[in-house]
Amino acid sequence: MALYKHIADKIETDINRGVFKPGDKIPSIRHVAAEFGCSKLTVQKAFERLKNRGWIENIVGSGSYVRFPERINRTGDIFDFKTAYLSESFFPYLQAQKIFSNLFDEQKAGVFSTPPVEGDPELIATLGEFYRVPTRRMLIISGAQQGLDLTAKVFSTGISENILFEDPTYPGAISLFKAKHFVPLQDDGPDLAALDDLLPAQIRLFYTMPTVHNPTGISYSLEKKERIARRARQHPFYIIEDDYLSEYHESPVPRFVDLFPEKTIYIKSLSQTTVSGIRLGFMIVPADLYEKFLYTKYTSDIASAGLVQKFVREFIQTGAFADYITKTDQKIRQRREQVLELVNTTPGLTLQLPQHGCSLWVCAQDTALPENQPWNTGREFSFSPEYRNCFRLSFMNLDDAIFGRALEYLQGIFSRMGSETG
């Protein structure tokens, strides 16, 4: 093998092992040339190979860095355990049809009117009552990802160096913020000793999913939330509270937005709770940041879709949303038990309970995971090698007609893994 290929393969292996993580600077061409006893031209050729294969990128005047992953989740699998959205087959489309019909009958072309930048006032009031949150600093957004994008723009300067994440965490946030700083998760929330080690390092933001965490399904204890809120009072950082699926937790504890609203940026997506096609959500921001967020939203999209806002308002007010959550929660519990049974009867697979939501976070002990798996791998949620043999198994994007066959398919994969372990 040509030496430049050997050098490239060695660095690629180090990246895969976590020696170099995304955002890390790799040794200079001069350093690598000295290590391998070769010319700088040979190393430069190796770096070009790594760049062409998407592993590194050049920053002029600074050096070469490991690239952050750029993924678009696509799946054409009939048995899809990757997509975390709820299947549209569960959504009460007849009720939705009636709501839309009534809106057009009552408002005619007025249903297409543009709402204020901050959102439809009636929807804001309705969301405030339903979710028991203040409405004075609420903004209607096009899903949680837009809320994160607005946050990135408001805190743009040096945000990659100044934001802290749980480990593991939501890959959309990792890619957007170019995450570099992580705190390990425990059963009831982040490791506070590790958090304290990181806080003095100019941390301005802490991104967290404290209720039904993605991907682990855990929820923070009230004690841990209170202790984190105390640290936010002592240190100059804001908490980004991404409320992923609190509707599907039987007994959620008070939120950060309840405990410390002055320093909490609360983000709620309705796309995750209802159906992916409803690209709507809301965020509540601290008073000192509201005008910045409002202007940033205006420059991003002027206003979120007015017709969808009117529909969601009616969907909640008629009680259809609450009824939908109740029925969906029952289905989630039933399916979780079925998937849990498969996991628990497969040698080498382990998971920590309780987990909530539409997925299970599973780790393999003494068996290798198959290459073409129907689930999301641990490396999508973490750069830490300890999660490489973990995976998120999402079970609510399949309709009832397919789910039974999908379970049989999954059982076949687990059986082969179990036999390899034995």
Protein backbone atom coordinates (compact mmCIF):
# COMPACT_ATOMS: atom_id res chain seq x y z
CA MET A 1 0.00 0.00 0.00
CA ALA A 2 1.23 3.48 -0.89
CA LEU A 3 2.45 5.37 2.17
CA TYR A 4 0.02 8.26 1.71
CA LYS A 5 -2.89 5.78 1.78
CA HIS A 6 -1.49 4.19 4.93
CA ILE A 7 -1.27 7.62 6.61
CA ALA A 8 -4.83 8.49 5.55
CA ASP A 9 -6.15 5.14 6.80
CA LYS A 10 -4.36 5.62 10.14
CA ILE A 11 -5.93 9.05 10.68
CA GLU A 12 -9.33 7.75 9.57
CA THR A 13 -9.04 4.93 12.11
CA ASP A 14 -8.14 7.44 14.83
CA ILE A 15 -11.25 9.47 13.94
CA ASN A 16 -13.43 6.36 14.10
CA ARG A 17 -11.94 5.40 17.48
CA GLY A 18 -12.64 8.86 18.88
CA VAL A 19 -8.98 9.88 19.17
CA PHE A 20 -9.91 12.87 17.02
CA LYS A 21 -13.51 14.07 17.38
CA PRO A 22 -15.45 16.35 15.03
CA GLY A 23 -14.14 19.88 15.42
CA ASP A 24 -10.73 18.68 16.64
CA LYS A 25 -7.62 19.96 14.91
CA ILE A 26 -5.49 17.14 13.57
CA PRO A 27 -1.67 17.28 13.67
CA SER A 28 -0.03 19.50 11.09
CA ILE A 29 1.48 18.23 7.86
CA ARG A 30 4.94 18.91 9.26
CA HIS A 31 4.18 16.93 12.45
CA VAL A 32 2.78 13.93 10.55
CA ALA A 33 5.70 13.97 8.10
CA ALA A 34 8.12 13.81 11.02
CA GLU A 35 6.10 10.98 12.64
CA PHE A 36 6.17 8.82 9.50
CA GLY A 37 9.61 9.89 8.29
CA CYS A 38 8.31 11.03 4.90
CA SER A 39 8.03 14.16 2.82
CA LYS A 40 5.40 16.82 3.44
CA LEU A 41 4.16 16.20 -0.10
CA THR A 42 3.26 12.61 0.86
CA VAL A 43 1.31 13.82 3.89
CA GLN A 44 -0.39 16.50 1.85
CA LYS A 45 -1.55 13.77 -0.53
CA ALA A 46 -2.91 11.80 2.46
CA PHE A 47 -4.78 14.87 3.69
CA GLU A 48 -6.28 15.40 0.24
CA ARG A 49 -7.50 11.79 0.33
CA LEU A 50 -9.13 12.37 3.72
CA LYS A 51 -10.69 15.60 2.51
CA ASN A 52 -12.11 13.96 -0.62
CA ARG A 53 -13.60 11.19 1.52
CA GLY A 54 -15.29 13.75 3.75
CA TRP A 55 -13.27 13.19 6.93
CA ILE A 56 -11.46 16.52 7.27
CA GLU A 57 -11.70 20.10 6.10
CA ASN A 58 -9.16 22.89 5.73
CA ILE A 59 -9.50 26.24 7.46
CA VAL A 60 -7.15 28.70 5.79
CA GLY A 61 -4.46 29.95 8.14
CA SER A 62 -5.50 27.57 10.91
CA GLY A 63 -5.00 23.97 9.79
CA SER A 64 -7.02 20.81 9.15
CA TYR A 65 -10.00 19.79 11.30
CA VAL A 66 -12.23 16.74 11.57
CA ARG A 67 -15.49 17.52 9.78
CA PHE A 68 -18.78 17.48 11.59
CA PRO A 69 -21.19 14.90 10.17
CA GLU A 70 -23.72 16.24 7.69
CA ARG A 71 -26.64 13.83 7.55
CA ILE A 72 -30.08 13.95 6.06
CA ASN A 73 -32.21 11.17 7.49
CA ARG A 74 -33.79 9.26 4.67
CA THR A 75 -35.24 5.79 4.70
CA GLY A 76 -36.97 3.76 2.08
CA ASP A 77 -37.17 0.70 4.29
CA ILE A 78 -40.59 -0.85 4.68
CA PHE A 79 -39.58 -1.84 8.23
CA ASP A 80 -38.34 1.53 9.41
CA PHE A 81 -37.15 1.72 13.03
CA LYS A 82 -35.19 4.94 12.40
CA THR A 83 -37.85 7.60 11.98
CA ALA A 84 -38.92 9.03 15.33
CA TYR A 85 -42.06 10.80 14.10
CA LEU A 86 -45.50 9.36 14.77
CA SER A 87 -47.14 7.61 11.83
CA GLU A 88 -49.63 9.83 10.04
CA SER A 89 -52.00 6.85 10.05
CA PHE A 90 -52.74 7.59 13.72
CA PHE A 91 -53.74 11.19 13.09
CA PRO A 92 -57.51 11.95 13.23
CA TYR A 93 -57.74 13.18 9.65
CA LEU A 94 -61.55 13.28 9.64
CA GLN A 95 -61.50 15.72 12.55
CA ALA A 96 -58.76 17.67 10.79
CA GLN A 97 -60.84 17.75 7.63
CA LYS A 98 -63.81 19.13 9.56
CA ILE A 99 -61.68 21.83 11.22
CA PHE A 100 -60.21 22.96 7.89
CA SER A 101 -63.66 22.96 6.29
CA ASN A 102 -65.09 25.11 9.06
CA LEU A 103 -62.19 27.53 8.81
CA PHE A 104 -62.75 28.03 5.09
CA ASP A 105 -66.52 28.38 5.57
CA GLU A 106 -66.09 31.02 8.25
CA GLN A 107 -63.06 32.96 7.00
CA LYS A 108 -63.07 32.32 3.24
CA ALA A 109 -59.81 33.64 1.77
CA GLY A 110 -59.03 35.19 5.13
CA VAL A 111 -57.55 31.86 6.26
CA PHE A 112 -54.49 32.80 4.19
CA SER A 113 -53.89 36.11 5.95
CA THR A 114 -50.42 36.63 7.38
CA PRO A 115 -50.24 36.44 11.18
CA PRO A 116 -47.97 38.70 13.25
CA VAL A 117 -44.28 37.80 13.37
CA GLU A 118 -44.64 36.42 16.90
CA GLY A 119 -47.64 34.32 15.88
CA ASP A 120 -51.45 34.23 15.91
CA PRO A 121 -52.53 35.84 19.23
CA GLU A 122 -55.34 33.33 19.78
CA LEU A 123 -53.00 30.41 19.19
CA ILE A 124 -50.46 31.88 21.63
CA ALA A 125 -53.16 32.18 24.29
CA THR A 126 -54.37 28.63 23.58
CA LEU A 127 -50.86 27.16 23.81
CA GLY A 128 -50.19 29.07 27.02
CA GLU A 129 -53.27 27.58 28.64
CA PHE A 130 -52.71 24.05 27.33
CA TYR A 131 -49.01 23.84 28.25
CA ARG A 132 -49.27 26.06 31.37
CA VAL A 133 -46.56 28.46 30.18
CA PRO A 134 -46.31 32.28 30.05
CA THR A 135 -47.34 33.84 26.74
CA ARG A 136 -45.79 37.34 26.88
CA ARG A 137 -42.48 36.16 25.39
CA MET A 138 -43.79 33.31 23.21
CA LEU A 139 -42.91 33.01 19.53
CA ILE A 140 -44.61 30.63 17.11
CA ILE A 141 -41.95 28.80 15.08
CA SER A 142 -41.79 26.22 12.31
CA GLY A 143 -40.75 23.33 14.56
CA ALA A 144 -37.99 22.86 17.13
CA GLN A 145 -35.22 22.96 14.52
CA GLN A 146 -36.11 26.54 13.67
CA GLY A 147 -36.04 27.39 17.36
CA LEU A 148 -32.51 26.01 17.57
CA ASP A 149 -31.52 27.84 14.38
CA LEU A 150 -32.80 31.15 15.78
CA THR A 151 -30.83 30.51 18.97
CA ALA A 152 -27.69 29.84 16.93
CA LYS A 153 -28.13 33.16 15.12
CA VAL A 154 -28.79 35.17 18.28
CA PHE A 155 -25.69 33.70 19.98
CA SER A 156 -23.66 33.48 16.79
CA THR A 157 -20.26 34.67 18.01
CA GLY A 158 -18.14 31.73 19.13
CA ILE A 159 -21.21 29.59 19.79
CA SER A 160 -19.43 26.33 19.00
CA GLU A 161 -16.96 26.98 21.82
CA ASN A 162 -19.55 28.32 24.25
CA ILE A 163 -22.35 25.75 24.17
CA LEU A 164 -22.54 22.57 26.26
CA PHE A 165 -24.42 19.38 25.35
CA GLU A 166 -25.49 16.17 26.99
CA ASP A 167 -23.73 13.04 25.82
CA PRO A 168 -25.46 11.47 23.90
CA THR A 169 -27.74 14.07 22.35
CA TYR A 170 -29.95 15.05 19.40
CA PRO A 171 -27.88 14.95 16.16
CA GLY A 172 -29.68 17.94 14.65
CA ALA A 173 -28.30 20.10 17.45
CA ILE A 174 -24.82 18.59 17.11
CA SER A 175 -24.67 19.49 13.41
CA LEU A 176 -26.19 22.95 13.80
CA PHE A 177 -24.05 24.14 16.70
CA LYS A 178 -20.86 22.19 15.78
CA ALA A 179 -20.84 20.69 19.26
CA LYS A 180 -17.50 20.37 21.04
CA HIS A 181 -18.30 20.27 24.76
CA PHE A 182 -20.26 17.42 26.32
CA VAL A 183 -21.34 16.32 29.79
CA PRO A 184 -22.09 12.60 30.39
CA LEU A 185 -25.67 11.60 31.18
CA GLN A 186 -26.63 9.54 34.21
CA ASP A 187 -29.97 7.87 34.92
CA ASP A 188 -31.49 11.08 36.32
CA GLY A 189 -29.68 13.73 34.28
CA PRO A 190 -26.16 15.02 33.64
CA ASP A 191 -23.14 14.20 35.79
CA LEU A 192 -22.95 17.35 37.93
CA ALA A 193 -19.27 16.89 38.80
CA ALA A 194 -18.43 16.86 35.08
CA LEU A 195 -20.76 19.82 34.56
CA ASP A 196 -18.94 21.82 37.23
CA ASP A 197 -15.61 21.10 35.53
CA LEU A 198 -16.91 22.59 32.28
CA LEU A 199 -18.88 25.61 33.49
CA PRO A 200 -15.92 27.93 34.14
CA ALA A 201 -14.82 27.47 30.52
CA GLN A 202 -16.94 30.36 29.14
CA ILE A 203 -20.07 28.24 28.72
CA ARG A 204 -22.93 30.54 27.68
CA LEU A 205 -25.55 27.93 26.73
CA PHE A 206 -26.52 24.46 27.95
CA TYR A 207 -28.66 22.48 25.50
CA THR A 208 -30.79 19.88 27.24
CA MET A 209 -33.74 17.57 26.61
CA PRO A 210 -34.73 16.95 30.23
CA THR A 211 -38.09 15.22 29.71
CA VAL A 212 -38.09 12.11 27.50
CA HIS A 213 -34.54 12.65 26.35
CA ASN A 214 -33.54 11.87 22.77
CA PRO A 215 -32.10 9.26 22.34
CA THR A 216 -31.98 7.66 25.81
CA GLY A 217 -35.62 8.15 26.85
CA ILE A 218 -34.61 9.16 30.39
CA SER A 219 -36.02 12.16 32.28
CA TYR A 220 -34.24 14.41 34.75
CA SER A 221 -35.14 14.19 38.41
CA LEU A 222 -36.51 17.32 40.07
CA GLU A 223 -33.49 17.44 42.37
CA LYS A 224 -31.08 17.48 39.44
CA LYS A 225 -33.09 20.16 37.64
CA GLU A 226 -33.05 22.34 40.73
CA ARG A 227 -29.30 21.91 41.13
CA ILE A 228 -28.72 22.83 37.48
CA ALA A 229 -30.99 25.87 37.86
CA ARG A 230 -28.90 26.98 40.85
CA ARG A 231 -25.77 26.74 38.71
CA ALA A 232 -27.43 28.85 36.02
CA ARG A 233 -27.97 31.51 38.67
CA GLN A 234 -24.30 31.38 39.67
CA HIS A 235 -22.79 31.22 36.17
CA PRO A 236 -23.61 33.32 33.09
CA PHE A 237 -25.28 30.64 30.96
CA TYR A 238 -28.76 30.14 29.52
CA ILE A 239 -30.56 26.80 29.50
CA ILE A 240 -31.99 25.70 26.15
CA GLU A 241 -34.82 23.40 27.21
CA ASP A 242 -35.91 21.29 24.23
CA ASP A 243 -39.24 19.77 25.29
CA TYR A 244 -39.20 16.71 23.06
CA LEU A 245 -42.13 14.54 24.15
CA SER A 246 -43.26 15.53 27.63
CA GLU A 247 -46.87 14.79 26.63
CA TYR A 248 -45.97 11.10 26.64
CA HIS A 249 -44.50 11.00 30.13
CA GLU A 250 -46.96 9.96 32.83
CA SER A 251 -45.57 12.20 35.56
CA PRO A 252 -43.22 14.93 34.29
CA VAL A 253 -41.63 17.08 36.97
CA PRO A 254 -41.48 20.91 36.80
CA ARG A 255 -39.59 22.21 33.79
CA PHE A 256 -36.64 24.57 33.68
CA VAL A 257 -39.00 27.20 32.28
CA ASP A 258 -41.01 26.83 35.51
CA LEU A 259 -38.00 26.79 37.83
CA PHE A 260 -35.89 29.53 36.25
CA PRO A 261 -37.69 31.35 33.40
CA GLU A 262 -35.24 34.27 33.51
CA LYS A 263 -32.48 32.11 32.01
CA THR A 264 -34.44 29.45 30.09
CA ILE A 265 -35.03 29.30 26.33
CA TYR A 266 -37.93 26.84 26.11
CA ILE A 267 -38.59 25.14 22.77
CA LYS A 268 -41.58 22.92 21.98
CA SER A 269 -42.23 21.12 18.69
CA LEU A 270 -45.76 20.05 17.79
CA SER A 271 -44.45 18.06 14.84
CA GLN A 272 -43.07 15.41 17.19
CA THR A 273 -46.24 15.27 19.27
CA THR A 274 -48.79 15.21 16.46
CA VAL A 275 -47.58 14.41 12.94
CA SER A 276 -44.48 15.41 10.99
CA GLY A 277 -46.43 17.40 8.39
CA ILE A 278 -47.53 19.94 10.99
CA ARG A 279 -44.34 22.03 10.93
CA LEU A 280 -45.18 24.16 13.92
CA GLY A 281 -43.98 24.75 17.44
CA PHE A 282 -43.31 27.56 19.87
CA MET A 283 -40.54 28.94 22.01
CA ILE A 284 -40.46 31.11 25.12
CA VAL A 285 -37.40 33.28 25.59
CA PRO A 286 -36.10 35.36 28.52
CA ALA A 287 -37.15 39.02 28.61
CA ASP A 288 -33.65 40.32 27.85
CA LEU A 289 -33.50 38.29 24.63
CA TYR A 290 -37.05 38.64 23.32
CA GLU A 291 -36.51 41.56 20.92
CA LYS A 292 -33.40 39.89 19.46
CA PHE A 293 -35.29 36.65 18.84
CA LEU A 294 -38.28 38.49 17.38
CA TYR A 295 -36.11 40.39 14.90
CA THR A 296 -34.12 37.26 14.03
CA LYS A 297 -37.33 35.37 13.33
CA TYR A 298 -38.59 38.20 11.14
CA THR A 299 -35.41 38.12 9.07
CA SER A 300 -35.64 34.32 8.81
CA ASP A 301 -39.20 33.79 7.57
CA ILE A 302 -41.32 36.87 8.42
CA ALA A 303 -44.06 34.65 9.90
CA SER A 304 -44.90 30.97 10.33
CA ALA A 305 -47.71 29.52 8.18
CA GLY A 306 -50.98 31.24 9.13
CA LEU A 307 -53.34 28.49 7.99
CA VAL A 308 -51.51 25.87 10.04
CA GLN A 309 -51.58 28.16 13.07
CA LYS A 310 -55.36 28.54 12.76
CA PHE A 311 -55.78 24.78 12.41
CA VAL A 312 -53.65 23.99 15.47
CA ARG A 313 -55.56 26.57 17.50
CA GLU A 314 -58.86 24.86 16.66
CA PHE A 315 -57.40 21.39 17.06
CA ILE A 316 -56.45 22.22 20.64
CA GLN A 317 -59.55 24.22 21.55
CA THR A 318 -61.98 21.52 20.40
CA GLY A 319 -60.29 18.95 22.66
CA ALA A 320 -59.17 16.89 19.65
CA PHE A 321 -55.49 17.33 20.54
CA ALA A 322 -55.90 16.09 24.13
CA ASP A 323 -57.93 13.13 22.92
CA TYR A 324 -55.29 12.32 20.31
CA ILE A 325 -52.51 12.38 22.92
CA THR A 326 -54.46 10.01 25.19
CA LYS A 327 -55.06 7.47 22.41
CA THR A 328 -51.51 7.74 21.07
CA ASP A 329 -50.02 7.30 24.53
CA GLN A 330 -51.91 4.01 24.91
CA LYS A 331 -50.52 2.80 21.59
CA ILE A 332 -46.98 3.86 22.56
CA ARG A 333 -47.20 1.85 25.78
CA GLN A 334 -48.49 -1.25 23.98
CA ARG A 335 -45.79 -1.15 21.34
CA ARG A 336 -43.03 -0.41 23.84
CA GLU A 337 -43.93 -3.56 25.76
CA GLN A 338 -43.77 -5.63 22.57
CA VAL A 339 -40.37 -4.26 21.55
CA LEU A 340 -39.09 -4.55 25.13
CA GLU A 341 -39.95 -8.22 25.14
CA LEU A 342 -37.81 -8.78 22.04
CA VAL A 343 -34.88 -6.87 23.51
CA ASN A 344 -35.08 -8.59 26.90
CA THR A 345 -35.07 -12.07 25.36
CA THR A 346 -32.02 -11.39 23.16
CA PRO A 347 -28.67 -12.31 24.75
CA GLY A 348 -26.18 -9.44 24.77
CA LEU A 349 -28.72 -6.61 24.56
CA THR A 350 -29.26 -4.35 27.57
CA LEU A 351 -31.20 -1.20 28.35
CA GLN A 352 -31.86 0.98 31.35
CA LEU A 353 -35.42 1.60 32.52
CA PRO A 354 -37.57 3.56 32.83
CA GLN A 355 -37.53 4.98 29.32
CA HIS A 356 -40.38 7.02 27.86
CA GLY A 357 -41.42 8.18 24.42
CA CYS A 358 -41.51 6.54 21.02
CA SER A 359 -38.06 4.90 21.04
CA LEU A 360 -35.83 2.59 23.07
CA TRP A 361 -32.11 3.16 23.64
CA VAL A 362 -30.43 -0.24 23.52
CA CYS A 363 -26.79 -1.27 23.95
CA ALA A 364 -25.11 -4.46 22.76
CA GLN A 365 -22.61 -6.00 25.15
CA ASP A 366 -20.70 -8.84 23.52
CA THR A 367 -22.00 -8.84 19.99
CA ALA A 368 -21.31 -6.74 16.92
CA LEU A 369 -24.22 -4.84 15.41
CA PRO A 370 -25.12 -5.69 11.80
CA GLU A 371 -23.89 -3.27 9.15
CA ASN A 372 -27.22 -2.63 7.40
CA GLN A 373 -29.37 -2.10 10.45
CA PRO A 374 -32.94 -0.68 10.42
CA TRP A 375 -32.25 1.61 13.41
CA ASN A 376 -30.17 4.70 14.28
CA THR A 377 -26.66 3.92 15.48
CA GLY A 378 -25.03 5.37 18.58
CA ARG A 379 -22.46 7.27 16.53
CA GLU A 380 -25.27 9.50 15.25
CA PHE A 381 -25.91 10.76 18.79
CA SER A 382 -22.42 10.79 20.28
CA PHE A 383 -18.75 11.05 19.42
CA SER A 384 -17.84 8.86 22.43
CA PRO A 385 -16.62 5.32 21.59
CA GLU A 386 -18.65 3.92 24.53
CA TYR A 387 -21.87 4.49 22.57
CA ARG A 388 -20.71 2.91 19.32
CA ASN A 389 -22.52 -0.33 20.15
CA CYS A 390 -25.75 1.39 21.19
CA PHE A 391 -28.72 2.17 18.99
CA ARG A 392 -32.07 3.96 19.05
CA LEU A 393 -35.02 1.80 18.08
CA SER A 394 -38.02 3.95 17.11
CA PHE A 395 -41.31 2.07 16.89
CA MET A 396 -44.11 4.56 16.22
CA ASN A 397 -43.57 5.54 12.59
CA LEU A 398 -45.03 2.25 11.30
CA ASP A 399 -48.76 1.85 10.79
CA ASP A 400 -50.64 -1.03 12.39
CA ALA A 401 -50.75 -3.06 9.16
CA ILE A 402 -46.95 -3.18 8.93
CA PHE A 403 -45.92 -3.17 12.59
CA GLY A 404 -46.58 -6.89 13.21
CA ARG A 405 -44.40 -7.91 10.25
CA ALA A 406 -41.77 -5.38 11.28
CA LEU A 407 -41.56 -7.02 14.71
CA GLU A 408 -40.97 -10.42 13.06
CA TYR A 409 -38.24 -8.85 10.92
CA LEU A 410 -36.65 -7.33 14.02
CA GLN A 411 -36.87 -10.62 15.86
CA GLY A 412 -34.96 -12.30 13.02
CA ILE A 413 -32.15 -9.74 13.30
CA PHE A 414 -32.01 -10.14 17.09
CA SER A 415 -32.02 -13.94 16.80
CA ARG A 416 -28.97 -13.86 14.54
CA MET A 417 -27.22 -11.45 16.92
CA GLY A 418 -28.11 -13.67 19.87
CA SER A 419 -26.75 -16.78 18.21
CA GLU A 420 -23.49 -14.98 17.44
CA THR A 421 -23.24 -13.98 21.11
CA GLY A 422 -23.87 -17.55 22.26
